[in-house]
């Protein structure tokens, strides 16, 4: 019984985490489908615990399953890597080849000359699917180990050639 309650809660919370992320990313219909499965799993798991409230080990299994489910759900989300990220990069010096090298690899790069405390810099804004995030960081570090990098998830993306290419599946193959 303990193993069943633990397993059910791991699956339930993993679904809950994925549903929340789908909702935040704007995948309403997918989130709704996941929530239906999530609800059934939740009711079954909670029913098992409530039917056996006199056994503390069931409550403990439920709690540990909940915590484990958060970890499992976040790992699944990392693997799915839905959406895009925008990465702002400030190079250690002006290097006109760096943006070109990133574009050759398929990244959408907008660049401009900037001024830092120690002189001229190059600033770039790079849009990429989250699945390519770690690969982008490695490429930037390889090309400029002293680069300053800030990343964030854009809420809305509209226009530009790059988004059209990604939607057609033409980049990163």
C-alpha atoms as a PDB file:
ATOM      1  CA  UNK A   1       0.000   0.000   0.000  1.00  0.00           C
ATOM      2  CA  UNK A   2       2.822   2.409   0.917  1.00  0.00           C
ATOM      3  CA  UNK A   3       4.550   1.922  -2.442  1.00  0.00           C
ATOM      4  CA  UNK A   4       1.273   2.404  -4.329  1.00  0.00           C
ATOM      5  CA  UNK A   5       0.484   5.655  -2.482  1.00  0.00           C
ATOM      6  CA  UNK A   6       4.044   6.911  -3.026  1.00  0.00           C
ATOM      7  CA  UNK A   7       3.977   6.060  -6.757  1.00  0.00           C
ATOM      8  CA  UNK A   8       0.549   7.576  -7.323  1.00  0.00           C
ATOM      9  CA  UNK A   9       1.622  10.830  -5.703  1.00  0.00           C
ATOM     10  CA  UNK A  10       4.870  11.012  -7.701  1.00  0.00           C
ATOM     11  CA  UNK A  11       2.868  10.644 -10.922  1.00  0.00           C
ATOM     12  CA  UNK A  12       0.178  13.077  -9.746  1.00  0.00           C
ATOM     13  CA  UNK A  13       2.611  15.857  -8.808  1.00  0.00           C
ATOM     14  CA  UNK A  14       4.654  15.315 -11.983  1.00  0.00           C
ATOM     15  CA  UNK A  15       1.449  15.858 -13.984  1.00  0.00           C
ATOM     16  CA  UNK A  16       0.588  18.876 -11.820  1.00  0.00           C
ATOM     17  CA  UNK A  17       3.998  20.434 -12.494  1.00  0.00           C
ATOM     18  CA  UNK A  18       3.756  19.810 -16.231  1.00  0.00           C
ATOM     19  CA  UNK A  19       0.222  21.242 -16.312  1.00  0.00           C
ATOM     20  CA  UNK A  20       1.362  24.414 -14.546  1.00  0.00           C
ATOM     21  CA  UNK A  21       4.211  24.890 -16.998  1.00  0.00           C
ATOM     22  CA  UNK A  22       1.975  24.231 -19.993  1.00  0.00           C
ATOM     23  CA  UNK A  23      -0.478  26.803 -18.654  1.00  0.00           C
ATOM     24  CA  UNK A  24       2.251  29.404 -18.106  1.00  0.00           C
ATOM     25  CA  UNK A  25       3.626  28.817 -21.618  1.00  0.00           C
ATOM     26  CA  UNK A  26       0.188  29.278 -23.191  1.00  0.00           C
ATOM     27  CA  UNK A  27      -0.571  25.651 -24.131  1.00  0.00           C
ATOM     28  CA  UNK A  28      -4.132  25.835 -22.784  1.00  0.00           C
ATOM     29  CA  UNK A  29      -5.599  22.778 -24.471  1.00  0.00           C
ATOM     30  CA  UNK A  30      -2.668  20.514 -23.610  1.00  0.00           C
ATOM     31  CA  UNK A  31      -2.841  21.771 -20.021  1.00  0.00           C
ATOM     32  CA  UNK A  32      -6.561  20.970 -19.906  1.00  0.00           C
ATOM     33  CA  UNK A  33      -5.943  17.405 -21.112  1.00  0.00           C
ATOM     34  CA  UNK A  34      -3.171  16.882 -18.560  1.00  0.00           C
ATOM     35  CA  UNK A  35      -5.406  18.271 -15.793  1.00  0.00           C
ATOM     36  CA  UNK A  36      -8.083  15.669 -16.502  1.00  0.00           C
ATOM     37  CA  UNK A  37      -5.603  12.821 -16.032  1.00  0.00           C
ATOM     38  CA  UNK A  38      -4.081  14.619 -13.030  1.00  0.00           C
ATOM     39  CA  UNK A  39      -7.481  14.859 -11.306  1.00  0.00           C
ATOM     40  CA  UNK A  40      -8.208  11.147 -11.648  1.00  0.00           C
ATOM     41  CA  UNK A  41      -4.778  10.229 -10.258  1.00  0.00           C
ATOM     42  CA  UNK A  42      -5.220  12.697  -7.383  1.00  0.00           C
ATOM     43  CA  UNK A  43      -8.611  11.347  -6.366  1.00  0.00           C
ATOM     44  CA  UNK A  44      -7.409   7.734  -6.416  1.00  0.00           C
ATOM     45  CA  UNK A  45      -4.287   8.539  -4.360  1.00  0.00           C
ATOM     46  CA  UNK A  46      -6.087  10.708  -1.839  1.00  0.00           C
ATOM     47  CA  UNK A  47      -8.826   8.107  -1.504  1.00  0.00           C
ATOM     48  CA  UNK A  48      -6.278   5.456  -0.578  1.00  0.00           C
ATOM     49  CA  UNK A  49      -4.783   7.699   2.103  1.00  0.00           C
ATOM     50  CA  UNK A  50      -8.151   8.783   3.528  1.00  0.00           C
ATOM     51  CA  UNK A  51      -9.374   5.176   3.688  1.00  0.00           C
ATOM     52  CA  UNK A  52      -6.336   4.343   5.829  1.00  0.00           C
ATOM     53  CA  UNK A  53      -5.807   7.483   7.917  1.00  0.00           C
ATOM     54  CA  UNK A  54      -5.004   5.413  10.979  1.00  0.00           C
ATOM     55  CA  UNK A  55      -1.745   4.262   9.368  1.00  0.00           C
ATOM     56  CA  UNK A  56       0.860   7.031   9.594  1.00  0.00           C
ATOM     57  CA  UNK A  57       3.135   5.341   7.054  1.00  0.00           C
ATOM     58  CA  UNK A  58       0.546   6.055   4.353  1.00  0.00           C
ATOM     59  CA  UNK A  59       0.611   9.768   5.178  1.00  0.00           C
ATOM     60  CA  UNK A  60       4.401   9.748   5.125  1.00  0.00           C
ATOM     61  CA  UNK A  61       4.424   7.922   1.776  1.00  0.00           C
ATOM     62  CA  UNK A  62       1.986  10.531   0.433  1.00  0.00           C
ATOM     63  CA  UNK A  63       4.210  13.408   1.585  1.00  0.00           C
ATOM     64  CA  UNK A  64       7.438  11.862   0.298  1.00  0.00           C
ATOM     65  CA  UNK A  65       5.697  11.039  -2.993  1.00  0.00           C
ATOM     66  CA  UNK A  66       4.605  14.658  -3.286  1.00  0.00           C
ATOM     67  CA  UNK A  67       8.159  15.962  -2.829  1.00  0.00           C
ATOM     68  CA  UNK A  68       9.579  13.387  -5.230  1.00  0.00           C
ATOM     69  CA  UNK A  69       6.888  14.290  -7.762  1.00  0.00           C
ATOM     70  CA  UNK A  70       8.056  17.919  -7.762  1.00  0.00           C
ATOM     71  CA  UNK A  71      11.573  16.776  -8.645  1.00  0.00           C
ATOM     72  CA  UNK A  72      10.356  14.334 -11.314  1.00  0.00           C
ATOM     73  CA  UNK A  73       8.026  16.953 -12.841  1.00  0.00           C
ATOM     74  CA  UNK A  74      10.778  19.561 -13.031  1.00  0.00           C
ATOM     75  CA  UNK A  75      13.161  17.036 -14.647  1.00  0.00           C
ATOM     76  CA  UNK A  76      10.510  16.194 -17.248  1.00  0.00           C
ATOM     77  CA  UNK A  77      10.009  19.912 -17.931  1.00  0.00           C
ATOM     78  CA  UNK A  78      13.768  20.351 -18.396  1.00  0.00           C
ATOM     79  CA  UNK A  79      13.731  17.580 -21.000  1.00  0.00           C
ATOM     80  CA  UNK A  80      10.696  19.035 -22.793  1.00  0.00           C
ATOM     81  CA  UNK A  81      12.294  22.523 -22.752  1.00  0.00           C
ATOM     82  CA  UNK A  82       9.211  24.242 -24.174  1.00  0.00           C
ATOM     83  CA  UNK A  83       9.410  27.732 -25.595  1.00  0.00           C
ATOM     84  CA  UNK A  84      12.261  30.081 -26.309  1.00  0.00           C
ATOM     85  CA  UNK A  85      14.861  32.059 -24.414  1.00  0.00           C
ATOM     86  CA  UNK A  86      16.433  35.386 -25.154  1.00  0.00           C
ATOM     87  CA  UNK A  87      20.093  35.637 -24.268  1.00  0.00           C
ATOM     88  CA  UNK A  88      21.808  38.997 -23.924  1.00  0.00           C
ATOM     89  CA  UNK A  89      25.555  38.772 -24.393  1.00  0.00           C
ATOM     90  CA  UNK A  90      28.114  41.502 -23.814  1.00  0.00           C
ATOM     91  CA  UNK A  91      31.512  40.575 -25.210  1.00  0.00           C
ATOM     92  CA  UNK A  92      34.835  41.429 -23.612  1.00  0.00           C
ATOM     93  CA  UNK A  93      35.762  43.424 -26.733  1.00  0.00           C
ATOM     94  CA  UNK A  94      34.287  44.385 -30.092  1.00  0.00           C
ATOM     95  CA  UNK A  95      34.440  41.341 -32.372  1.00  0.00           C
ATOM     96  CA  UNK A  96      32.527  41.547 -35.631  1.00  0.00           C
ATOM     97  CA  UNK A  97      33.055  37.828 -36.303  1.00  0.00           C
ATOM     98  CA  UNK A  98      31.253  36.596 -33.183  1.00  0.00           C
ATOM     99  CA  UNK A  99      27.694  37.489 -34.332  1.00  0.00           C
ATOM    100  CA  UNK A 100      28.413  36.038 -37.779  1.00  0.00           C
ATOM    101  CA  UNK A 101      29.653  32.759 -36.267  1.00  0.00           C
ATOM    102  CA  UNK A 102      26.506  32.492 -34.143  1.00  0.00           C
ATOM    103  CA  UNK A 103      24.291  33.216 -37.171  1.00  0.00           C
ATOM    104  CA  UNK A 104      26.077  30.481 -39.125  1.00  0.00           C
ATOM    105  CA  UNK A 105      25.034  28.058 -36.397  1.00  0.00           C
ATOM    106  CA  UNK A 106      21.383  29.092 -36.866  1.00  0.00           C
ATOM    107  CA  UNK A 107      20.884  31.509 -33.978  1.00  0.00           C
ATOM    108  CA  UNK A 108      18.909  34.716 -34.445  1.00  0.00           C
ATOM    109  CA  UNK A 109      21.347  37.476 -33.472  1.00  0.00           C
ATOM    110  CA  UNK A 110      20.883  41.241 -33.298  1.00  0.00           C
ATOM    111  CA  UNK A 111      24.092  43.033 -32.400  1.00  0.00           C
ATOM    112  CA  UNK A 112      25.307  46.563 -31.719  1.00  0.00           C
ATOM    113  CA  UNK A 113      28.376  48.341 -30.393  1.00  0.00           C
ATOM    114  CA  UNK A 114      28.181  49.284 -26.707  1.00  0.00           C
ATOM    115  CA  UNK A 115      30.379  51.023 -24.163  1.00  0.00           C
ATOM    116  CA  UNK A 116      31.404  49.416 -20.885  1.00  0.00           C
ATOM    117  CA  UNK A 117      33.430  50.639 -17.970  1.00  0.00           C
ATOM    118  CA  UNK A 118      36.642  49.552 -19.681  1.00  0.00           C
ATOM    119  CA  UNK A 119      35.793  50.672 -23.216  1.00  0.00           C
ATOM    120  CA  UNK A 120      34.168  49.262 -26.333  1.00  0.00           C
ATOM    121  CA  UNK A 121      32.047  46.150 -26.170  1.00  0.00           C
ATOM    122  CA  UNK A 122      29.688  44.347 -28.455  1.00  0.00           C
ATOM    123  CA  UNK A 123      26.194  43.632 -27.242  1.00  0.00           C
ATOM    124  CA  UNK A 124      24.038  40.913 -28.758  1.00  0.00           C
ATOM    125  CA  UNK A 125      20.507  39.729 -28.296  1.00  0.00           C
ATOM    126  CA  UNK A 126      20.036  36.095 -29.292  1.00  0.00           C
ATOM    127  CA  UNK A 127      16.761  34.206 -29.584  1.00  0.00           C
ATOM    128  CA  UNK A 128      16.827  30.413 -29.435  1.00  0.00           C
ATOM    129  CA  UNK A 129      14.581  27.472 -28.557  1.00  0.00           C
ATOM    130  CA  UNK A 130      15.123  26.392 -24.937  1.00  0.00           C
ATOM    131  CA  UNK A 131      16.256  22.993 -26.208  1.00  0.00           C
ATOM    132  CA  UNK A 132      19.334  24.745 -27.618  1.00  0.00           C
ATOM    133  CA  UNK A 133      20.063  26.839 -24.496  1.00  0.00           C
ATOM    134  CA  UNK A 134      23.016  24.889 -23.098  1.00  0.00           C
ATOM    135  CA  UNK A 135      24.522  24.449 -26.543  1.00  0.00           C
ATOM    136  CA  UNK A 136      24.319  28.233 -27.080  1.00  0.00           C
ATOM    137  CA  UNK A 137      26.080  28.933 -23.763  1.00  0.00           C
ATOM    138  CA  UNK A 138      28.850  26.494 -24.668  1.00  0.00           C
ATOM    139  CA  UNK A 139      29.283  28.131 -28.096  1.00  0.00           C
ATOM    140  CA  UNK A 140      29.460  31.625 -26.592  1.00  0.00           C
ATOM    141  CA  UNK A 141      31.972  30.504 -23.959  1.00  0.00           C
ATOM    142  CA  UNK A 142      34.069  28.851 -26.647  1.00  0.00           C
ATOM    143  CA  UNK A 143      34.095  32.008 -28.787  1.00  0.00           C
ATOM    144  CA  UNK A 144      34.495  34.483 -25.895  1.00  0.00           C
ATOM    145  CA  UNK A 145      35.248  32.985 -22.462  1.00  0.00           C
ATOM    146  CA  UNK A 146      34.924  36.421 -20.822  1.00  0.00           C
ATOM    147  CA  UNK A 147      31.458  37.164 -22.240  1.00  0.00           C
ATOM    148  CA  UNK A 148      28.788  38.450 -19.833  1.00  0.00           C
ATOM    149  CA  UNK A 149      25.564  36.470 -20.350  1.00  0.00           C
ATOM    150  CA  UNK A 150      22.011  37.143 -19.143  1.00  0.00           C
ATOM    151  CA  UNK A 151      19.103  34.911 -20.188  1.00  0.00           C
ATOM    152  CA  UNK A 152      15.347  35.247 -19.801  1.00  0.00           C
ATOM    153  CA  UNK A 153      12.179  33.824 -21.283  1.00  0.00           C
ATOM    154  CA  UNK A 154      10.267  36.200 -23.543  1.00  0.00           C
ATOM    155  CA  UNK A 155       6.517  36.270 -23.025  1.00  0.00           C
ATOM    156  CA  UNK A 156       5.599  37.227 -26.573  1.00  0.00           C
ATOM    157  CA  UNK A 157       7.460  36.820 -29.851  1.00  0.00           C
ATOM    158  CA  UNK A 158       6.116  38.393 -33.015  1.00  0.00           C
ATOM    159  CA  UNK A 159       7.654  38.936 -36.424  1.00  0.00           C
ATOM    160  CA  UNK A 160      11.148  38.575 -37.727  1.00  0.00           C
ATOM    161  CA  UNK A 161      12.592  36.080 -40.167  1.00  0.00           C
ATOM    162  CA  UNK A 162      13.987  33.808 -37.492  1.00  0.00           C
ATOM    163  CA  UNK A 163      10.670  32.929 -35.841  1.00  0.00           C
ATOM    164  CA  UNK A 164       9.241  31.963 -39.240  1.00  0.00           C
ATOM    165  CA  UNK A 165      12.222  29.675 -39.882  1.00  0.00           C
ATOM    166  CA  UNK A 166      11.840  27.964 -36.495  1.00  0.00           C
ATOM    167  CA  UNK A 167       8.125  27.397 -37.032  1.00  0.00           C
ATOM    168  CA  UNK A 168       8.907  25.802 -40.419  1.00  0.00           C
ATOM    169  CA  UNK A 169      11.448  23.553 -38.693  1.00  0.00           C
ATOM    170  CA  UNK A 170      14.348  24.821 -40.816  1.00  0.00           C
ATOM    171  CA  UNK A 171      16.819  25.698 -38.066  1.00  0.00           C
ATOM    172  CA  UNK A 172      19.094  23.501 -35.951  1.00  0.00           C
ATOM    173  CA  UNK A 173      18.953  20.346 -38.082  1.00  0.00           C
END
